[in-house]
Amino acid sequence: MITSSRRIVIVGTGNMGRIHARILSDMGVLVGVADTDMSTAEKVAKSHNTDAFNEFESMLEKTKPDGVVIATPTSTHASIARSIATNFDGIKGILIEKPMTSTLEDGKKLAELVKERGIVVLVSHSEIYNPIVEKALNLIKTDAIGTPRTVIHDRRGFVSPERIPSLGDVFEDIGVHDFDIMTRISNGPAKLYAQSNKLGGIHNSGTVMVKFDSGTEHLFHLSRQYAGRRRYMDVSGSKGTLVLDLFGQIIKIQHLDQAPVAKGDTIQLPERGATIKVYGEPVREVLKDFLRCIETGKSPRVNIDDGLRALGIVEAARQSAESGNVIDIEIKPRT
């Protein structure tokens, strides 16, 4: 068990809120949960021996936490985060489940406020904390496969129709993970084109193509109406290829001068033809980073500016899917 003297509360006890509650309880830092559905809050609180509230304001006043996890429907993220940042002086950090906000405009207003107040914000693009993604990004950074030329992002699964309105469209709900990954591989001016299919008036599956002026292209296949679960990436570079299974947490490295059937069965990085399998729980790594940031005041691995970059791509994808037009975008280098 990881223990800490910090005190963390959760707003929202739906699917993600329950995951955060389990892990934070295990870490010994959970001191309260709140939900407008009091019966749900009480059930989660009982499971983890903590207090339940039906209003986050009263929870914050009573528990005096150091940090808050916001795991409510996307449309409420901005208003809850603004209220916390404005009215509760003791808060050192806010973790916001993805996406940070429903719109880029709301995100920019929130970013200005929390920076002014000196509050650390972590945006839970949990795939960045997947150890296989971290390894792949490091391999790309160290030129293991040369210059990336084509990157295919495949993220598909099933979401029941009744949950879709609270999650928003497919671009903000699941695409945001891969959009963030893209910004860590490629930057500069680019052109974006998206197509989608709607369910109940909401983009529920789609394809997005981003072609950078540098020549690198990213292709995204996003769907919440797929019978199964797929999380794959395929990165083709000037020297070789990385193929990632994000669920199985396996990465295969193949070089262009190797035979296509070359066996990859070692776990030594960055050996040629290596197949690497690692294990981890990304949400736990998110929360460990959150506690570290509260302790030190340092920036998280996914900070509020990362959230804004990803939201900018979300909005461009929406605009292209709605209009049928190619949209000009520019990804600023990360600092």
Protein backbone atom coordinates (compact mmCIF):
# COMPACT_ATOMS: atom_id res chain seq x y z
CA MET A 1 0.00 0.00 0.00
CA ILE A 2 1.16 3.53 -0.81
CA THR A 3 0.50 5.93 2.04
CA SER A 4 0.58 9.71 2.13
CA SER A 5 -0.37 12.48 4.51
CA ARG A 6 -2.33 14.18 1.71
CA ARG A 7 -6.13 14.30 1.67
CA ILE A 8 -7.98 13.74 -1.62
CA VAL A 9 -11.70 13.83 -2.44
CA ILE A 10 -13.67 12.79 -5.52
CA VAL A 11 -16.53 14.62 -7.21
CA GLY A 12 -18.57 12.10 -9.21
CA THR A 13 -18.93 8.39 -8.44
CA GLY A 14 -19.71 6.96 -11.88
CA ASN A 15 -17.46 4.50 -13.71
CA MET A 16 -14.25 6.53 -13.49
CA GLY A 17 -15.05 7.92 -10.05
CA ARG A 18 -15.28 4.38 -8.67
CA ILE A 19 -11.90 3.50 -10.19
CA HIS A 20 -10.30 6.57 -8.63
CA ALA A 21 -11.96 5.75 -5.29
CA ARG A 22 -10.57 2.21 -5.27
CA ILE A 23 -7.02 3.34 -5.99
CA LEU A 24 -7.03 6.40 -3.70
CA SER A 25 -8.44 4.27 -0.89
CA ASP A 26 -5.65 1.76 -1.45
CA MET A 27 -3.17 4.64 -1.25
CA GLY A 28 -4.68 5.74 2.04
CA VAL A 29 -5.55 9.28 0.95
CA LEU A 30 -9.30 9.19 0.18
CA VAL A 31 -11.32 11.31 2.63
CA GLY A 32 -14.64 11.80 0.85
CA VAL A 33 -16.78 11.29 -2.25
CA ALA A 34 -19.63 13.42 -3.58
CA ASP A 35 -22.35 12.80 -6.14
CA THR A 36 -25.74 14.37 -6.82
CA ASP A 37 -27.05 10.79 -6.61
CA MET A 38 -26.58 10.30 -2.87
CA SER A 39 -27.32 6.58 -2.97
CA THR A 40 -24.44 6.04 -5.39
CA ALA A 41 -22.11 8.19 -3.30
CA GLU A 42 -23.06 6.29 -0.15
CA LYS A 43 -22.43 2.93 -1.79
CA VAL A 44 -18.95 3.95 -2.95
CA ALA A 45 -18.16 5.59 0.40
CA LYS A 46 -19.18 2.46 2.31
CA SER A 47 -16.96 0.29 0.12
CA HIS A 48 -13.95 2.42 0.98
CA ASN A 49 -14.73 3.47 4.56
CA THR A 50 -15.05 7.17 3.81
CA ASP A 51 -17.74 9.88 3.94
CA ALA A 52 -20.42 10.55 1.30
CA PHE A 53 -21.86 13.92 0.28
CA ASN A 54 -24.47 15.03 -2.24
CA GLU A 55 -22.79 18.42 -2.82
CA PHE A 56 -19.11 18.89 -3.51
CA GLU A 57 -19.11 22.28 -1.78
CA SER A 58 -20.10 20.81 1.59
CA MET A 59 -17.58 18.01 1.13
CA LEU A 60 -14.75 20.50 0.56
CA GLU A 61 -15.80 22.61 3.52
CA LYS A 62 -15.87 19.62 5.88
CA THR A 63 -12.89 17.57 4.68
CA LYS A 64 -10.44 20.41 3.87
CA PRO A 65 -8.66 18.37 1.17
CA ASP A 66 -5.37 19.08 -0.56
CA GLY A 67 -6.62 17.82 -3.92
CA VAL A 68 -9.84 17.12 -5.80
CA VAL A 69 -10.59 14.57 -8.52
CA ILE A 70 -13.38 15.67 -10.89
CA ALA A 71 -14.99 12.60 -12.48
CA THR A 72 -18.39 14.00 -13.43
CA PRO A 73 -20.01 14.22 -16.90
CA THR A 74 -17.84 16.23 -19.31
CA SER A 75 -20.26 19.15 -19.59
CA THR A 76 -19.84 19.89 -15.85
CA HIS A 77 -16.03 19.83 -15.66
CA ALA A 78 -15.47 23.53 -16.34
CA SER A 79 -18.07 24.89 -13.89
CA ILE A 80 -17.00 22.57 -11.04
CA ALA A 81 -13.28 23.29 -11.55
CA ARG A 82 -13.93 27.05 -11.70
CA SER A 83 -15.96 26.93 -8.49
CA ILE A 84 -13.25 24.97 -6.68
CA ALA A 85 -10.45 27.25 -7.89
CA THR A 86 -12.39 30.41 -7.02
CA ASN A 87 -13.93 29.53 -3.66
CA PHE A 88 -11.62 27.10 -1.84
CA ASP A 89 -8.23 28.54 -0.96
CA GLY A 90 -6.68 25.37 0.48
CA ILE A 91 -6.81 23.36 -2.73
CA LYS A 92 -3.33 22.63 -4.09
CA GLY A 93 -4.29 20.41 -7.04
CA ILE A 94 -7.22 19.43 -9.27
CA LEU A 95 -7.31 16.27 -11.35
CA ILE A 96 -9.85 16.48 -14.18
CA GLU A 97 -10.99 13.36 -16.00
CA LYS A 98 -10.65 13.62 -19.77
CA PRO A 99 -11.53 15.68 -21.62
CA MET A 100 -10.63 18.72 -19.56
CA THR A 101 -13.70 20.68 -20.74
CA SER A 102 -16.32 20.41 -23.46
CA THR A 103 -14.98 23.38 -25.42
CA LEU A 104 -11.61 24.98 -26.03
CA GLU A 105 -12.98 28.36 -24.92
CA ASP A 106 -13.97 26.93 -21.52
CA GLY A 107 -10.57 25.28 -21.27
CA LYS A 108 -8.71 28.52 -21.91
CA LYS A 109 -10.75 30.39 -19.29
CA LEU A 110 -10.09 27.66 -16.74
CA ALA A 111 -6.37 27.59 -17.55
CA GLU A 112 -6.10 31.33 -16.96
CA LEU A 113 -7.87 31.03 -13.61
CA VAL A 114 -5.89 28.12 -12.16
CA LYS A 115 -2.57 29.59 -13.24
CA GLU A 116 -3.51 32.85 -11.53
CA ARG A 117 -4.48 30.93 -8.38
CA GLY A 118 -1.35 28.75 -8.43
CA ILE A 119 -3.27 25.47 -8.55
CA VAL A 120 -1.70 22.45 -10.21
CA VAL A 121 -4.07 20.81 -12.74
CA LEU A 122 -3.58 17.30 -14.09
CA VAL A 123 -5.75 16.28 -17.05
CA SER A 124 -6.32 12.52 -16.98
CA HIS A 125 -5.25 11.50 -20.46
CA SER A 126 -4.40 8.18 -18.83
CA GLU A 127 -2.96 6.61 -21.99
CA ILE A 128 0.09 8.86 -21.61
CA TYR A 129 0.74 6.95 -18.36
CA ASN A 130 0.47 3.57 -20.06
CA PRO A 131 4.05 2.26 -19.74
CA ILE A 132 4.01 0.89 -23.29
CA VAL A 133 3.17 4.35 -24.66
CA GLU A 134 5.94 5.86 -22.56
CA LYS A 135 8.42 3.31 -23.92
CA ALA A 136 7.30 3.92 -27.51
CA LEU A 137 7.62 7.71 -27.16
CA ASN A 138 11.11 7.27 -25.72
CA LEU A 139 12.08 4.98 -28.60
CA ILE A 140 10.85 7.55 -31.12
CA LYS A 141 12.66 10.34 -29.28
CA THR A 142 15.94 8.39 -29.31
CA ASP A 143 15.67 7.75 -33.08
CA ALA A 144 15.17 3.97 -32.73
CA ILE A 145 13.04 3.88 -35.90
CA GLY A 146 14.20 7.09 -37.53
CA THR A 147 11.86 9.91 -38.48
CA PRO A 148 8.16 8.99 -38.06
CA ARG A 149 6.42 8.99 -41.43
CA THR A 150 2.99 7.43 -40.85
CA VAL A 151 1.31 6.83 -37.50
CA ILE A 152 -1.93 4.84 -37.33
CA HIS A 153 -4.02 5.17 -34.16
CA ASP A 154 -6.79 2.55 -33.76
CA ARG A 155 -9.09 3.03 -30.74
CA ARG A 156 -12.40 1.19 -30.88
CA GLY A 157 -14.87 -0.28 -28.41
CA PHE A 158 -18.52 -0.21 -27.42
CA VAL A 159 -20.38 2.35 -25.33
CA SER A 160 -24.05 1.82 -24.56
CA PRO A 161 -26.24 4.52 -26.16
CA GLU A 162 -27.63 5.74 -22.83
CA ARG A 163 -24.13 6.73 -21.65
CA ILE A 164 -23.16 8.69 -24.77
CA PRO A 165 -24.75 12.07 -23.87
CA SER A 166 -22.76 12.30 -20.62
CA LEU A 167 -19.50 11.39 -22.38
CA GLY A 168 -19.75 13.77 -25.33
CA ASP A 169 -18.69 12.91 -28.86
CA VAL A 170 -16.13 10.31 -29.93
CA PHE A 171 -13.46 12.95 -30.57
CA GLU A 172 -13.47 14.30 -27.01
CA ASP A 173 -14.28 11.02 -25.29
CA ILE A 174 -11.70 8.62 -26.75
CA GLY A 175 -9.93 10.54 -29.52
CA VAL A 176 -8.43 12.95 -27.00
CA HIS A 177 -6.01 10.22 -25.81
CA ASP A 178 -4.52 9.73 -29.26
CA PHE A 179 -4.56 13.44 -30.08
CA ASP A 180 -2.37 14.02 -27.01
CA ILE A 181 -0.03 11.21 -28.09
CA MET A 182 0.23 12.82 -31.53
CA THR A 183 1.33 16.15 -30.05
CA ARG A 184 4.22 14.33 -28.35
CA ILE A 185 5.38 12.89 -31.68
CA SER A 186 4.68 15.65 -34.20
CA ASN A 187 4.34 19.42 -34.17
CA GLY A 188 4.11 22.38 -36.52
CA PRO A 189 1.57 23.39 -39.17
CA ALA A 190 -0.76 20.66 -40.45
CA LYS A 191 -4.00 20.05 -42.30
CA LEU A 192 -6.78 18.00 -40.68
CA TYR A 193 -9.69 16.22 -42.31
CA ALA A 194 -12.35 14.22 -40.45
CA GLN A 195 -15.44 12.18 -41.27
CA SER A 196 -17.92 10.69 -38.82
CA ASN A 197 -21.13 8.78 -38.22
CA LYS A 198 -23.61 10.03 -35.64
CA LEU A 199 -25.80 8.30 -33.10
CA GLY A 200 -28.57 10.41 -31.62
CA GLY A 201 -27.04 13.50 -33.20
CA ILE A 202 -23.62 12.89 -31.57
CA HIS A 203 -20.44 11.91 -33.44
CA ASN A 204 -20.00 8.29 -32.34
CA SER A 205 -17.42 6.95 -34.78
CA GLY A 206 -15.05 8.65 -37.15
CA THR A 207 -11.79 8.81 -39.01
CA VAL A 208 -9.34 11.68 -38.79
CA MET A 209 -6.30 12.37 -40.97
CA VAL A 210 -3.66 14.92 -40.00
CA LYS A 211 -0.87 15.69 -42.49
CA PHE A 212 1.96 17.84 -41.14
CA ASP A 213 3.92 20.16 -43.38
CA SER A 214 6.98 18.17 -42.29
CA GLY A 215 5.57 15.17 -44.17
CA THR A 216 4.49 13.05 -41.19
CA GLU A 217 0.86 11.89 -41.27
CA HIS A 218 -1.36 10.57 -38.49
CA LEU A 219 -4.46 8.48 -39.18
CA PHE A 220 -7.07 7.92 -36.46
CA HIS A 221 -9.81 5.25 -36.46
CA LEU A 222 -12.18 6.02 -33.58
CA SER A 223 -15.37 4.16 -32.74
CA ARG A 224 -17.72 3.49 -29.82
CA GLN A 225 -19.89 1.08 -31.79
CA TYR A 226 -17.39 -1.75 -32.21
CA ALA A 227 -18.05 -5.25 -30.83
CA GLY A 228 -14.81 -5.72 -28.93
CA ARG A 229 -11.96 -3.55 -27.69
CA ARG A 230 -9.01 -2.42 -29.79
CA ARG A 231 -6.19 -0.11 -28.79
CA TYR A 232 -3.38 -0.26 -31.31
CA MET A 233 -0.72 2.05 -32.73
CA ASP A 234 1.50 1.47 -35.73
CA VAL A 235 4.41 3.87 -36.18
CA SER A 236 6.30 3.65 -39.47
CA GLY A 237 9.63 5.45 -39.49
CA SER A 238 12.49 5.98 -41.91
CA LYS A 239 14.45 3.15 -40.26
CA GLY A 240 11.78 0.79 -38.97
CA THR A 241 8.39 0.26 -37.35
CA LEU A 242 6.84 0.11 -33.90
CA VAL A 243 3.59 -1.85 -33.44
CA LEU A 244 1.85 -1.31 -30.10
CA ASP A 245 -0.92 -3.31 -28.44
CA LEU A 246 -2.01 -0.88 -25.73
CA PHE A 247 -4.28 -3.38 -23.95
CA GLY A 248 -1.88 -6.29 -24.11
CA GLN A 249 0.93 -3.81 -23.38
CA ILE A 250 3.15 -5.29 -26.05
CA ILE A 251 5.42 -3.42 -28.42
CA LYS A 252 7.17 -4.96 -31.41
CA ILE A 253 10.15 -3.31 -33.08
CA GLN A 254 11.04 -4.20 -36.64
CA HIS A 255 13.82 -2.63 -38.71
CA LEU A 256 13.63 -2.12 -42.47
CA ASP A 257 16.72 -4.23 -43.10
CA GLN A 258 15.30 -7.21 -41.19
CA ALA A 259 13.39 -10.05 -42.80
CA PRO A 260 9.61 -9.57 -42.30
CA VAL A 261 9.40 -12.89 -40.43
CA ALA A 262 12.26 -12.11 -38.06
CA LYS A 263 11.34 -13.42 -34.62
CA GLY A 264 11.02 -10.86 -31.85
CA ASP A 265 11.11 -12.64 -28.53
CA THR A 266 13.44 -10.71 -26.25
CA ILE A 267 12.54 -8.11 -23.63
CA GLN A 268 15.75 -6.16 -23.96
CA LEU A 269 15.30 -2.57 -25.10
CA PRO A 270 16.14 -1.30 -27.66
CA GLU A 271 17.32 -4.54 -29.23
CA ARG A 272 16.55 -5.14 -32.86
CA GLY A 273 13.41 -7.14 -33.45
CA ALA A 274 12.42 -6.89 -29.81
CA THR A 275 8.97 -7.69 -28.47
CA ILE A 276 8.47 -6.08 -25.09
CA LYS A 277 5.66 -6.68 -22.64
CA VAL A 278 5.25 -4.53 -19.56
CA TYR A 279 2.55 -4.31 -16.94
CA GLY A 280 0.96 -1.38 -15.20
CA GLU A 281 -2.31 0.31 -14.30
CA PRO A 282 -2.34 3.70 -16.03
CA VAL A 283 -4.94 5.31 -13.72
CA ARG A 284 -2.82 4.39 -10.70
CA GLU A 285 0.15 6.07 -12.36
CA VAL A 286 -2.02 9.15 -13.01
CA LEU A 287 -2.91 9.36 -9.32
CA LYS A 288 0.70 8.81 -8.20
CA ASP A 289 1.71 11.72 -10.44
CA PHE A 290 -1.13 13.81 -8.99
CA LEU A 291 0.06 13.22 -5.43
CA ARG A 292 3.65 13.97 -6.45
CA CYS A 293 2.57 17.30 -7.96
CA ILE A 294 0.62 18.25 -4.84
CA GLU A 295 3.67 17.43 -2.71
CA THR A 296 6.19 19.27 -4.89
CA GLY A 297 4.20 21.85 -6.88
CA LYS A 298 5.80 20.51 -10.06
CA SER A 299 3.97 20.16 -13.36
CA PRO A 300 2.28 16.82 -14.12
CA ARG A 301 3.03 14.70 -17.16
CA VAL A 302 -0.30 15.85 -18.62
CA ASN A 303 -0.75 19.48 -17.60
CA ILE A 304 -3.43 21.98 -18.46
CA ASP A 305 -1.58 23.15 -21.58
CA ASP A 306 -1.48 19.55 -22.82
CA GLY A 307 -5.22 19.44 -22.25
CA LEU A 308 -5.66 22.60 -24.34
CA ARG A 309 -3.57 21.19 -27.21
CA ALA A 310 -5.71 18.06 -27.33
CA LEU A 311 -8.93 20.09 -27.12
CA GLY A 312 -7.81 22.19 -30.07
CA ILE A 313 -7.56 19.04 -32.17
CA VAL A 314 -10.94 17.83 -30.88
CA GLU A 315 -12.58 21.05 -32.04
CA ALA A 316 -10.85 20.94 -35.42
CA ALA A 317 -12.06 17.37 -35.94
CA ARG A 318 -15.62 18.39 -35.06
CA GLN A 319 -15.45 21.35 -37.42
CA SER A 320 -14.14 19.22 -40.28
CA ALA A 321 -16.66 16.42 -39.71
CA GLU A 322 -19.54 18.90 -39.67
CA SER A 323 -18.43 20.99 -42.65
CA GLY A 324 -16.59 18.47 -44.81
CA ASN A 325 -13.71 20.92 -45.07
CA VAL A 326 -10.00 20.53 -44.45
CA ILE A 327 -8.97 22.52 -41.35
CA ASP A 328 -5.60 24.21 -40.86
CA ILE A 329 -4.09 23.53 -37.45
CA GLU A 330 -0.75 24.10 -35.77
CA ILE A 331 0.68 22.08 -32.90
CA LYS A 332 3.02 24.15 -30.77
CA PRO A 333 6.13 22.32 -29.51
CA ARG A 334 5.83 21.11 -25.93
CA THR A 335 8.07 22.79 -23.37
